[in-house]
Amino acid sequence: MSTLVKFQPPYQRRSSLSRPMSSDILTTVVALVAQVEALQIQTTEDLRQAIFILDLANTSIRLIIRQINMDEAARTTLMAQSGRIQQLIEAVRKEAPHLFENDN
């Protein structure tokens, strides 16, 4: 006996999921940034944790930018800002590689 599996058309599934997913990601980003703000960076491990959290938040922001509808100018501006954040994170990793030796 064969089984019939019914899938939702992609356009319905995407529109019903994109808002909650974006909202969930945004909530996560806010929580991550709050963690960094709450850190009292005093040790190398604190700095490593802050950079890791900021990198994770920036990656999440890029996911949101890809999911939400906006004009191309706004998308370009936000992606450029996210790119700048990524450059700063990479600069810290380059300037102080000893902080991240165990990340591999």
PDB file of N, CA and C in Angstrom:
ATOM      1  N   MET A   1       0.842  -1.171   0.000  1.00  0.00           N
ATOM      2  CA  MET A   1       0.000   0.000   0.000  1.00  0.00           C
ATOM      3  C   MET A   1       0.891   1.239   0.000  1.00  0.00           C
ATOM      4  N   SER A   2       0.596   2.172  -0.864  1.00  0.00           N
ATOM      5  CA  SER A   2       1.408   3.385  -0.925  1.00  0.00           C
ATOM      6  C   SER A   2       0.867   4.446   0.027  1.00  0.00           C
ATOM      7  N   THR A   3       1.771   5.327   0.409  1.00  0.00           N
ATOM      8  CA  THR A   3       1.409   6.411   1.316  1.00  0.00           C
ATOM      9  C   THR A   3       1.516   7.730   0.576  1.00  0.00           C
ATOM     10  N   LEU A   4       0.545   8.560   0.760  1.00  0.00           N
ATOM     11  CA  LEU A   4       0.549   9.869   0.125  1.00  0.00           C
ATOM     12  C   LEU A   4       0.980  10.905   1.157  1.00  0.00           C
ATOM     13  N   VAL A   5       2.027  11.633   0.845  1.00  0.00           N
ATOM     14  CA  VAL A   5       2.510  12.687   1.727  1.00  0.00           C
ATOM     15  C   VAL A   5       2.189  14.013   1.079  1.00  0.00           C
ATOM     16  N   LYS A   6       1.504  14.877   1.801  1.00  0.00           N
ATOM     17  CA  LYS A   6       1.106  16.165   1.263  1.00  0.00           C
ATOM     18  C   LYS A   6       2.024  17.246   1.830  1.00  0.00           C
ATOM     19  N   PHE A   7       2.704  17.983   0.957  1.00  0.00           N
ATOM     20  CA  PHE A   7       3.583  19.067   1.359  1.00  0.00           C
ATOM     21  C   PHE A   7       2.896  20.391   1.085  1.00  0.00           C
ATOM     22  N   GLN A   8       3.176  21.371   1.936  1.00  0.00           N
ATOM     23  CA  GLN A   8       2.680  22.713   1.667  1.00  0.00           C
ATOM     24  C   GLN A   8       3.488  23.309   0.539  1.00  0.00           C
ATOM     25  N   PRO A   9       2.862  24.103  -0.308  1.00  0.00           N
ATOM     26  CA  PRO A   9       3.644  24.807  -1.333  1.00  0.00           C
ATOM     27  C   PRO A   9       4.674  25.712  -0.656  1.00  0.00           C
ATOM     28  N   PRO A  10       5.864  25.861  -1.262  1.00  0.00           N
ATOM     29  CA  PRO A  10       6.934  26.643  -0.635  1.00  0.00           C
ATOM     30  C   PRO A  10       6.524  28.066  -0.249  1.00  0.00           C
ATOM     31  N   TYR A  11       5.735  28.729  -1.093  1.00  0.00           N
ATOM     32  CA  TYR A  11       5.384  30.115  -0.780  1.00  0.00           C
ATOM     33  C   TYR A  11       4.540  30.211   0.478  1.00  0.00           C
ATOM     34  N   GLN A  12       3.677  29.238   0.765  1.00  0.00           N
ATOM     35  CA  GLN A  12       2.878  29.257   1.984  1.00  0.00           C
ATOM     36  C   GLN A  12       3.735  28.959   3.202  1.00  0.00           C
ATOM     37  N   ARG A  13       4.572  27.974   3.088  1.00  0.00           N
ATOM     38  CA  ARG A  13       5.420  27.594   4.207  1.00  0.00           C
ATOM     39  C   ARG A  13       6.366  28.720   4.569  1.00  0.00           C
ATOM     40  N   ARG A  14       6.980  29.341   3.583  1.00  0.00           N
ATOM     41  CA  ARG A  14       7.948  30.400   3.837  1.00  0.00           C
ATOM     42  C   ARG A  14       7.297  31.604   4.496  1.00  0.00           C
ATOM     43  N   SER A  15       6.137  32.032   3.998  1.00  0.00           N
ATOM     44  CA  SER A  15       5.500  33.206   4.569  1.00  0.00           C
ATOM     45  C   SER A  15       5.020  32.943   5.986  1.00  0.00           C
ATOM     46  N   SER A  16       4.601  31.721   6.282  1.00  0.00           N
ATOM     47  CA  SER A  16       4.113  31.440   7.628  1.00  0.00           C
ATOM     48  C   SER A  16       5.253  31.275   8.629  1.00  0.00           C
ATOM     49  N   LEU A  17       6.440  30.933   8.161  1.00  0.00           N
ATOM     50  CA  LEU A  17       7.550  30.720   9.079  1.00  0.00           C
ATOM     51  C   LEU A  17       8.496  31.906   9.200  1.00  0.00           C
ATOM     52  N   SER A  18       8.568  32.760   8.213  1.00  0.00           N
ATOM     53  CA  SER A  18       9.603  33.782   8.218  1.00  0.00           C
ATOM     54  C   SER A  18       9.440  34.777   9.364  1.00  0.00           C
ATOM     55  N   ARG A  19       8.233  35.183   9.657  1.00  0.00           N
ATOM     56  CA  ARG A  19       8.052  36.146  10.751  1.00  0.00           C
ATOM     57  C   ARG A  19       8.422  35.559  12.108  1.00  0.00           C
ATOM     58  N   PRO A  20       7.873  34.392  12.487  1.00  0.00           N
ATOM     59  CA  PRO A  20       8.262  33.837  13.779  1.00  0.00           C
ATOM     60  C   PRO A  20       9.752  33.542  13.866  1.00  0.00           C
ATOM     61  N   MET A  21      10.344  33.044  12.772  1.00  0.00           N
ATOM     62  CA  MET A  21      11.775  32.746  12.821  1.00  0.00           C
ATOM     63  C   MET A  21      12.571  34.031  13.005  1.00  0.00           C
ATOM     64  N   SER A  22      12.212  35.087  12.280  1.00  0.00           N
ATOM     65  CA  SER A  22      12.913  36.358  12.424  1.00  0.00           C
ATOM     66  C   SER A  22      12.752  36.900  13.832  1.00  0.00           C
ATOM     67  N   SER A  23      11.558  36.789  14.359  1.00  0.00           N
ATOM     68  CA  SER A  23      11.300  37.266  15.719  1.00  0.00           C
ATOM     69  C   SER A  23      12.116  36.476  16.736  1.00  0.00           C
ATOM     70  N   ASP A  24      12.185  35.156  16.558  1.00  0.00           N
ATOM     71  CA  ASP A  24      12.972  34.315  17.464  1.00  0.00           C
ATOM     72  C   ASP A  24      14.456  34.668  17.386  1.00  0.00           C
ATOM     73  N   ILE A  25      14.942  34.885  16.182  1.00  0.00           N
ATOM     74  CA  ILE A  25      16.349  35.235  16.006  1.00  0.00           C
ATOM     75  C   ILE A  25      16.635  36.584  16.643  1.00  0.00           C
ATOM     76  N   LEU A  26      15.733  37.547  16.432  1.00  0.00           N
ATOM     77  CA  LEU A  26      15.920  38.873  17.015  1.00  0.00           C
ATOM     78  C   LEU A  26      15.924  38.805  18.538  1.00  0.00           C
ATOM     79  N   THR A  27      15.049  38.006  19.104  1.00  0.00           N
ATOM     80  CA  THR A  27      15.023  37.820  20.560  1.00  0.00           C
ATOM     81  C   THR A  27      16.348  37.241  21.040  1.00  0.00           C
ATOM     82  N   THR A  28      16.883  36.291  20.291  1.00  0.00           N
ATOM     83  CA  THR A  28      18.167  35.691  20.638  1.00  0.00           C
ATOM     84  C   THR A  28      19.289  36.721  20.560  1.00  0.00           C
ATOM     85  N   VAL A  29      19.283  37.555  19.516  1.00  0.00           N
ATOM     86  CA  VAL A  29      20.315  38.585  19.362  1.00  0.00           C
ATOM     87  C   VAL A  29      20.266  39.557  20.535  1.00  0.00           C
ATOM     88  N   VAL A  30      19.078  39.984  20.914  1.00  0.00           N
ATOM     89  CA  VAL A  30      18.940  40.910  22.044  1.00  0.00           C
ATOM     90  C   VAL A  30      19.494  40.267  23.312  1.00  0.00           C
ATOM     91  N   ALA A  31      19.188  39.001  23.519  1.00  0.00           N
ATOM     92  CA  ALA A  31      19.695  38.301  24.706  1.00  0.00           C
ATOM     93  C   ALA A  31      21.218  38.178  24.665  1.00  0.00           C
ATOM     94  N   LEU A  32      21.768  37.899  23.496  1.00  0.00           N
ATOM     95  CA  LEU A  32      23.225  37.778  23.364  1.00  0.00           C
ATOM     96  C   LEU A  32      23.924  39.102  23.661  1.00  0.00           C
ATOM     97  N   VAL A  33      23.406  40.180  23.091  1.00  0.00           N
ATOM     98  CA  VAL A  33      24.017  41.499  23.326  1.00  0.00           C
ATOM     99  C   VAL A  33      23.888  41.876  24.796  1.00  0.00           C
ATOM    100  N   ALA A  34      22.777  41.544  25.422  1.00  0.00           N
ATOM    101  CA  ALA A  34      22.610  41.816  26.853  1.00  0.00           C
ATOM    102  C   ALA A  34      23.650  41.059  27.674  1.00  0.00           C
ATOM    103  N   GLN A  35      23.988  39.832  27.247  1.00  0.00           N
ATOM    104  CA  GLN A  35      25.025  39.069  27.943  1.00  0.00           C
ATOM    105  C   GLN A  35      26.366  39.788  27.875  1.00  0.00           C
ATOM    106  N   VAL A  36      26.688  40.326  26.703  1.00  0.00           N
ATOM    107  CA  VAL A  36      27.959  41.035  26.543  1.00  0.00           C
ATOM    108  C   VAL A  36      27.956  42.292  27.398  1.00  0.00           C
ATOM    109  N   GLU A  37      26.839  43.008  27.404  1.00  0.00           N
ATOM    110  CA  GLU A  37      26.747  44.217  28.216  1.00  0.00           C
ATOM    111  C   GLU A  37      26.910  43.910  29.698  1.00  0.00           C
ATOM    112  N   ALA A  38      26.418  42.734  30.127  1.00  0.00           N
ATOM    113  CA  ALA A  38      26.490  42.359  31.539  1.00  0.00           C
ATOM    114  C   ALA A  38      27.875  41.863  31.948  1.00  0.00           C
ATOM    115  N   LEU A  39      28.684  41.450  30.975  1.00  0.00           N
ATOM    116  CA  LEU A  39      30.026  40.958  31.294  1.00  0.00           C
ATOM    117  C   LEU A  39      30.892  42.091  31.849  1.00  0.00           C
ATOM    118  N   GLN A  40      31.570  41.793  32.875  1.00  0.00           N
ATOM    119  CA  GLN A  40      32.585  42.721  33.370  1.00  0.00           C
ATOM    120  C   GLN A  40      33.916  42.111  32.961  1.00  0.00           C
ATOM    121  N   ILE A  41      34.366  42.520  31.791  1.00  0.00           N
ATOM    122  CA  ILE A  41      35.543  41.892  31.193  1.00  0.00           C
ATOM    123  C   ILE A  41      36.777  42.220  32.017  1.00  0.00           C
ATOM    124  N   GLN A  42      37.297  41.159  32.642  1.00  0.00           N
ATOM    125  CA  GLN A  42      38.489  41.318  33.464  1.00  0.00           C
ATOM    126  C   GLN A  42      39.551  40.291  33.111  1.00  0.00           C
ATOM    127  N   THR A  43      39.126  39.208  32.493  1.00  0.00           N
ATOM    128  CA  THR A  43      40.075  38.144  32.185  1.00  0.00           C
ATOM    129  C   THR A  43      40.095  37.871  30.679  1.00  0.00           C
ATOM    130  N   THR A  44      41.077  37.119  30.264  1.00  0.00           N
ATOM    131  CA  THR A  44      41.173  36.706  28.873  1.00  0.00           C
ATOM    132  C   THR A  44      39.951  35.883  28.478  1.00  0.00           C
ATOM    133  N   GLU A  45      39.508  35.033  29.367  1.00  0.00           N
ATOM    134  CA  GLU A  45      38.325  34.207  29.079  1.00  0.00           C
ATOM    135  C   GLU A  45      37.086  35.086  28.906  1.00  0.00           C
ATOM    136  N   ASP A  46      36.957  36.140  29.688  1.00  0.00           N
ATOM    137  CA  ASP A  46      35.836  37.073  29.522  1.00  0.00           C
ATOM    138  C   ASP A  46      35.861  37.708  28.136  1.00  0.00           C
ATOM    139  N   LEU A  47      37.040  38.089  27.681  1.00  0.00           N
ATOM    140  CA  LEU A  47      37.180  38.701  26.360  1.00  0.00           C
ATOM    141  C   LEU A  47      36.858  37.698  25.261  1.00  0.00           C
ATOM    142  N   ARG A  48      37.350  36.482  25.409  1.00  0.00           N
ATOM    143  CA  ARG A  48      37.035  35.425  24.435  1.00  0.00           C
ATOM    144  C   ARG A  48      35.535  35.208  24.349  1.00  0.00           C
ATOM    145  N   GLN A  49      34.883  35.170  25.506  1.00  0.00           N
ATOM    146  CA  GLN A  49      33.443  34.947  25.538  1.00  0.00           C
ATOM    147  C   GLN A  49      32.705  36.115  24.879  1.00  0.00           C
ATOM    148  N   ALA A  50      33.124  37.326  25.131  1.00  0.00           N
ATOM    149  CA  ALA A  50      32.483  38.500  24.534  1.00  0.00           C
ATOM    150  C   ALA A  50      32.599  38.482  23.018  1.00  0.00           C
ATOM    151  N   ILE A  51      33.784  38.175  22.507  1.00  0.00           N
ATOM    152  CA  ILE A  51      33.987  38.112  21.055  1.00  0.00           C
ATOM    153  C   ILE A  51      33.139  36.999  20.446  1.00  0.00           C
ATOM    154  N   PHE A  52      33.103  35.852  21.096  1.00  0.00           N
ATOM    155  CA  PHE A  52      32.290  34.745  20.604  1.00  0.00           C
ATOM    156  C   PHE A  52      30.815  35.139  20.539  1.00  0.00           C
ATOM    157  N   ILE A  53      30.316  35.764  21.592  1.00  0.00           N
ATOM    158  CA  ILE A  53      28.908  36.171  21.641  1.00  0.00           C
ATOM    159  C   ILE A  53      28.610  37.212  20.566  1.00  0.00           C
ATOM    160  N   LEU A  54      29.489  38.177  20.394  1.00  0.00           N
ATOM    161  CA  LEU A  54      29.271  39.197  19.369  1.00  0.00           C
ATOM    162  C   LEU A  54      29.288  38.585  17.968  1.00  0.00           C
ATOM    163  N   ASP A  55      30.163  37.628  17.749  1.00  0.00           N
ATOM    164  CA  ASP A  55      30.218  36.942  16.458  1.00  0.00           C
ATOM    165  C   ASP A  55      28.918  36.178  16.210  1.00  0.00           C
ATOM    166  N   LEU A  56      28.424  35.504  17.220  1.00  0.00           N
ATOM    167  CA  LEU A  56      27.166  34.768  17.110  1.00  0.00           C
ATOM    168  C   LEU A  56      25.996  35.719  16.854  1.00  0.00           C
ATOM    169  N   ALA A  57      25.966  36.840  17.559  1.00  0.00           N
ATOM    170  CA  ALA A  57      24.904  37.833  17.355  1.00  0.00           C
ATOM    171  C   ALA A  57      24.958  38.394  15.932  1.00  0.00           C
ATOM    172  N   ASN A  58      26.150  38.689  15.444  1.00  0.00           N
ATOM    173  CA  ASN A  58      26.291  39.228  14.096  1.00  0.00           C
ATOM    174  C   ASN A  58      25.827  38.225  13.044  1.00  0.00           C
ATOM    175  N   THR A  59      26.144  36.968  13.243  1.00  0.00           N
ATOM    176  CA  THR A  59      25.670  35.927  12.329  1.00  0.00           C
ATOM    177  C   THR A  59      24.146  35.850  12.346  1.00  0.00           C
ATOM    178  N   SER A  60      23.559  35.971  13.514  1.00  0.00           N
ATOM    179  CA  SER A  60      22.102  35.953  13.638  1.00  0.00           C
ATOM    180  C   SER A  60      21.475  37.149  12.939  1.00  0.00           C
ATOM    181  N   ILE A  61      22.104  38.306  13.056  1.00  0.00           N
ATOM    182  CA  ILE A  61      21.604  39.506  12.380  1.00  0.00           C
ATOM    183  C   ILE A  61      21.605  39.298  10.874  1.00  0.00           C
ATOM    184  N   ARG A  62      22.639  38.678  10.355  1.00  0.00           N
ATOM    185  CA  ARG A  62      22.694  38.401   8.913  1.00  0.00           C
ATOM    186  C   ARG A  62      21.550  37.480   8.479  1.00  0.00           C
ATOM    187  N   LEU A  63      21.178  36.530   9.335  1.00  0.00           N
ATOM    188  CA  LEU A  63      20.035  35.666   9.035  1.00  0.00           C
ATOM    189  C   LEU A  63      18.747  36.481   8.951  1.00  0.00           C
ATOM    190  N   ILE A  64      18.574  37.399   9.872  1.00  0.00           N
ATOM    191  CA  ILE A  64      17.374  38.245   9.870  1.00  0.00           C
ATOM    192  C   ILE A  64      17.332  39.083   8.600  1.00  0.00           C
ATOM    193  N   ILE A  65      18.451  39.680   8.250  1.00  0.00           N
ATOM    194  CA  ILE A  65      18.500  40.532   7.058  1.00  0.00           C
ATOM    195  C   ILE A  65      18.074  39.748   5.828  1.00  0.00           C
ATOM    196  N   ARG A  66      18.475  38.488   5.753  1.00  0.00           N
ATOM    197  CA  ARG A  66      18.114  37.666   4.595  1.00  0.00           C
ATOM    198  C   ARG A  66      16.646  37.271   4.592  1.00  0.00           C
ATOM    199  N   GLN A  67      16.027  37.197   5.781  1.00  0.00           N
ATOM    200  CA  GLN A  67      14.657  36.707   5.879  1.00  0.00           C
ATOM    201  C   GLN A  67      13.586  37.781   5.698  1.00  0.00           C
ATOM    202  N   ILE A  68      13.859  38.990   6.130  1.00  0.00           N
ATOM    203  CA  ILE A  68      12.794  39.987   6.113  1.00  0.00           C
ATOM    204  C   ILE A  68      12.759  40.743   4.793  1.00  0.00           C
ATOM    205  N   ASN A  69      11.582  41.229   4.471  1.00  0.00           N
ATOM    206  CA  ASN A  69      11.412  42.025   3.259  1.00  0.00           C
ATOM    207  C   ASN A  69      11.795  43.466   3.547  1.00  0.00           C
ATOM    208  N   MET A  70      12.675  43.995   2.734  1.00  0.00           N
ATOM    209  CA  MET A  70      13.074  45.399   2.848  1.00  0.00           C
ATOM    210  C   MET A  70      13.612  45.829   1.498  1.00  0.00           C
ATOM    211  N   ASP A  71      13.708  47.145   1.336  1.00  0.00           N
ATOM    212  CA  ASP A  71      14.238  47.607   0.057  1.00  0.00           C
ATOM    213  C   ASP A  71      15.734  47.325  -0.009  1.00  0.00           C
ATOM    214  N   GLU A  72      16.250  47.325  -1.213  1.00  0.00           N
ATOM    215  CA  GLU A  72      17.648  46.934  -1.439  1.00  0.00           C
ATOM    216  C   GLU A  72      18.626  47.891  -0.760  1.00  0.00           C
ATOM    217  N   ALA A  73      18.284  49.178  -0.695  1.00  0.00           N
ATOM    218  CA  ALA A  73      19.182  50.147  -0.049  1.00  0.00           C
ATOM    219  C   ALA A  73      19.322  49.843   1.441  1.00  0.00           C
ATOM    220  N   ALA A  74      18.206  49.534   2.090  1.00  0.00           N
ATOM    221  CA  ALA A  74      18.259  49.199   3.524  1.00  0.00           C
ATOM    222  C   ALA A  74      19.033  47.915   3.745  1.00  0.00           C
ATOM    223  N   ARG A  75      18.790  46.923   2.901  1.00  0.00           N
ATOM    224  CA  ARG A  75      19.504  45.641   3.014  1.00  0.00           C
ATOM    225  C   ARG A  75      21.008  45.855   2.837  1.00  0.00           C
ATOM    226  N   THR A  76      21.377  46.646   1.844  1.00  0.00           N
ATOM    227  CA  THR A  76      22.792  46.925   1.577  1.00  0.00           C
ATOM    228  C   THR A  76      23.438  47.631   2.765  1.00  0.00           C
ATOM    229  N   THR A  77      22.730  48.600   3.330  1.00  0.00           N
ATOM    230  CA  THR A  77      23.261  49.340   4.488  1.00  0.00           C
ATOM    231  C   THR A  77      23.463  48.416   5.679  1.00  0.00           C
ATOM    232  N   LEU A  78      22.465  47.595   5.978  1.00  0.00           N
ATOM    233  CA  LEU A  78      22.570  46.685   7.120  1.00  0.00           C
ATOM    234  C   LEU A  78      23.653  45.641   6.912  1.00  0.00           C
ATOM    235  N   MET A  79      23.765  45.118   5.693  1.00  0.00           N
ATOM    236  CA  MET A  79      24.813  44.138   5.416  1.00  0.00           C
ATOM    237  C   MET A  79      26.198  44.779   5.529  1.00  0.00           C
ATOM    238  N   ALA A  80      26.322  46.037   5.121  1.00  0.00           N
ATOM    239  CA  ALA A  80      27.604  46.737   5.250  1.00  0.00           C
ATOM    240  C   ALA A  80      27.964  46.919   6.724  1.00  0.00           C
ATOM    241  N   GLN A  81      26.976  47.275   7.544  1.00  0.00           N
ATOM    242  CA  GLN A  81      27.236  47.432   8.979  1.00  0.00           C
ATOM    243  C   GLN A  81      27.618  46.098   9.614  1.00  0.00           C
ATOM    244  N   SER A  82      26.935  45.047   9.209  1.00  0.00           N
ATOM    245  CA  SER A  82      27.266  43.723   9.707  1.00  0.00           C
ATOM    246  C   SER A  82      28.670  43.312   9.261  1.00  0.00           C
ATOM    247  N   GLY A  83      29.001  43.647   8.029  1.00  0.00           N
ATOM    248  CA  GLY A  83      30.344  43.368   7.528  1.00  0.00           C
ATOM    249  C   GLY A  83      31.415  44.091   8.324  1.00  0.00           C
ATOM    250  N   ARG A  84      31.131  45.327   8.700  1.00  0.00           N
ATOM    251  CA  ARG A  84      32.080  46.106   9.513  1.00  0.00           C
ATOM    252  C   ARG A  84      32.264  45.472  10.895  1.00  0.00           C
ATOM    253  N   ILE A  85      31.176  45.010  11.479  1.00  0.00           N
ATOM    254  CA  ILE A  85      31.275  44.314  12.764  1.00  0.00           C
ATOM    255  C   ILE A  85      32.151  43.073  12.611  1.00  0.00           C
ATOM    256  N   GLN A  86      31.939  42.337  11.531  1.00  0.00           N
ATOM    257  CA  GLN A  86      32.740  41.135  11.282  1.00  0.00           C
ATOM    258  C   GLN A  86      34.217  41.480  11.107  1.00  0.00           C
ATOM    259  N   GLN A  87      34.505  42.577  10.403  1.00  0.00           N
ATOM    260  CA  GLN A  87      35.896  43.018  10.240  1.00  0.00           C
ATOM    261  C   GLN A  87      36.537  43.334  11.585  1.00  0.00           C
ATOM    262  N   LEU A  88      35.799  43.978  12.456  1.00  0.00           N
ATOM    263  CA  LEU A  88      36.329  44.314  13.782  1.00  0.00           C
ATOM    264  C   LEU A  88      36.600  43.056  14.601  1.00  0.00           C
ATOM    265  N   ILE A  89      35.702  42.098  14.524  1.00  0.00           N
ATOM    266  CA  ILE A  89      35.904  40.836  15.242  1.00  0.00           C
ATOM    267  C   ILE A  89      37.138  40.121  14.705  1.00  0.00           C
ATOM    268  N   GLU A  90      37.272  40.079  13.393  1.00  0.00           N
ATOM    269  CA  GLU A  90      38.439  39.431  12.792  1.00  0.00           C
ATOM    270  C   GLU A  90      39.731  40.168  13.133  1.00  0.00           C
ATOM    271  N   ALA A  91      39.670  41.493  13.232  1.00  0.00           N
ATOM    272  CA  ALA A  91      40.856  42.268  13.606  1.00  0.00           C
ATOM    273  C   ALA A  91      41.300  41.925  15.020  1.00  0.00           C
ATOM    274  N   VAL A  92      40.356  41.761  15.917  1.00  0.00           N
ATOM    275  CA  VAL A  92      40.698  41.367  17.289  1.00  0.00           C
ATOM    276  C   VAL A  92      41.343  39.987  17.277  1.00  0.00           C
ATOM    277  N   ARG A  93      40.784  39.080  16.516  1.00  0.00           N
ATOM    278  CA  ARG A  93      41.358  37.730  16.434  1.00  0.00           C
ATOM    279  C   ARG A  93      42.763  37.752  15.836  1.00  0.00           C
ATOM    280  N   LYS A  94      42.992  38.635  14.889  1.00  0.00           N
ATOM    281  CA  LYS A  94      44.312  38.731  14.260  1.00  0.00           C
ATOM    282  C   LYS A  94      45.324  39.387  15.191  1.00  0.00           C
ATOM    283  N   GLU A  95      44.890  40.425  15.899  1.00  0.00           N
ATOM    284  CA  GLU A  95      45.791  41.165  16.792  1.00  0.00           C
ATOM    285  C   GLU A  95      46.151  40.375  18.046  1.00  0.00           C
ATOM    286  N   ALA A  96      45.267  39.503  18.458  1.00  0.00           N
ATOM    287  CA  ALA A  96      45.512  38.739  19.680  1.00  0.00           C
ATOM    288  C   ALA A  96      45.202  37.257  19.446  1.00  0.00           C
ATOM    289  N   PRO A  97      45.958  36.622  18.549  1.00  0.00           N
ATOM    290  CA  PRO A  97      45.646  35.220  18.213  1.00  0.00           C
ATOM    291  C   PRO A  97      45.773  34.276  19.411  1.00  0.00           C
ATOM    292  N   HIS A  98      46.586  34.647  20.380  1.00  0.00           N
ATOM    293  CA  HIS A  98      46.757  33.785  21.550  1.00  0.00           C
ATOM    294  C   HIS A  98      45.457  33.623  22.337  1.00  0.00           C
ATOM    295  N   LEU A  99      44.539  34.560  22.172  1.00  0.00           N
ATOM    296  CA  LEU A  99      43.257  34.460  22.864  1.00  0.00           C
ATOM    297  C   LEU A  99      42.360  33.374  22.283  1.00  0.00           C
ATOM    298  N   PHE A 100      42.625  33.019  21.028  1.00  0.00           N
ATOM    299  CA  PHE A 100      41.728  32.141  20.304  1.00  0.00           C
ATOM    300  C   PHE A 100      42.387  30.849  19.841  1.00  0.00           C
ATOM    301  N   GLU A 101      43.510  30.492  20.435  1.00  0.00           N
ATOM    302  CA  GLU A 101      44.238  29.302  20.010  1.00  0.00           C
ATOM    303  C   GLU A 101      43.426  28.033  20.176  1.00  0.00           C
ATOM    304  N   ASN A 102      42.569  27.964  21.155  1.00  0.00           N
ATOM    305  CA  ASN A 102      41.787  26.751  21.413  1.00  0.00           C
ATOM    306  C   ASN A 102      40.471  26.711  20.653  1.00  0.00           C
ATOM    307  N   ASP A 103      40.189  27.700  19.782  1.00  0.00           N
ATOM    308  CA  ASP A 103      38.935  27.745  19.046  1.00  0.00           C
ATOM    309  C   ASP A 103      38.883  26.763  17.889  1.00  0.00           C
ATOM    310  N   ASN A 104      39.988  26.242  17.435  1.00  0.00           N
ATOM    311  CA  ASN A 104      40.002  25.347  16.269  1.00  0.00           C
ATOM    312  C   ASN A 104      39.453  24.010  16.564  1.00  0.00           C
TER     313      ASN A 104
END
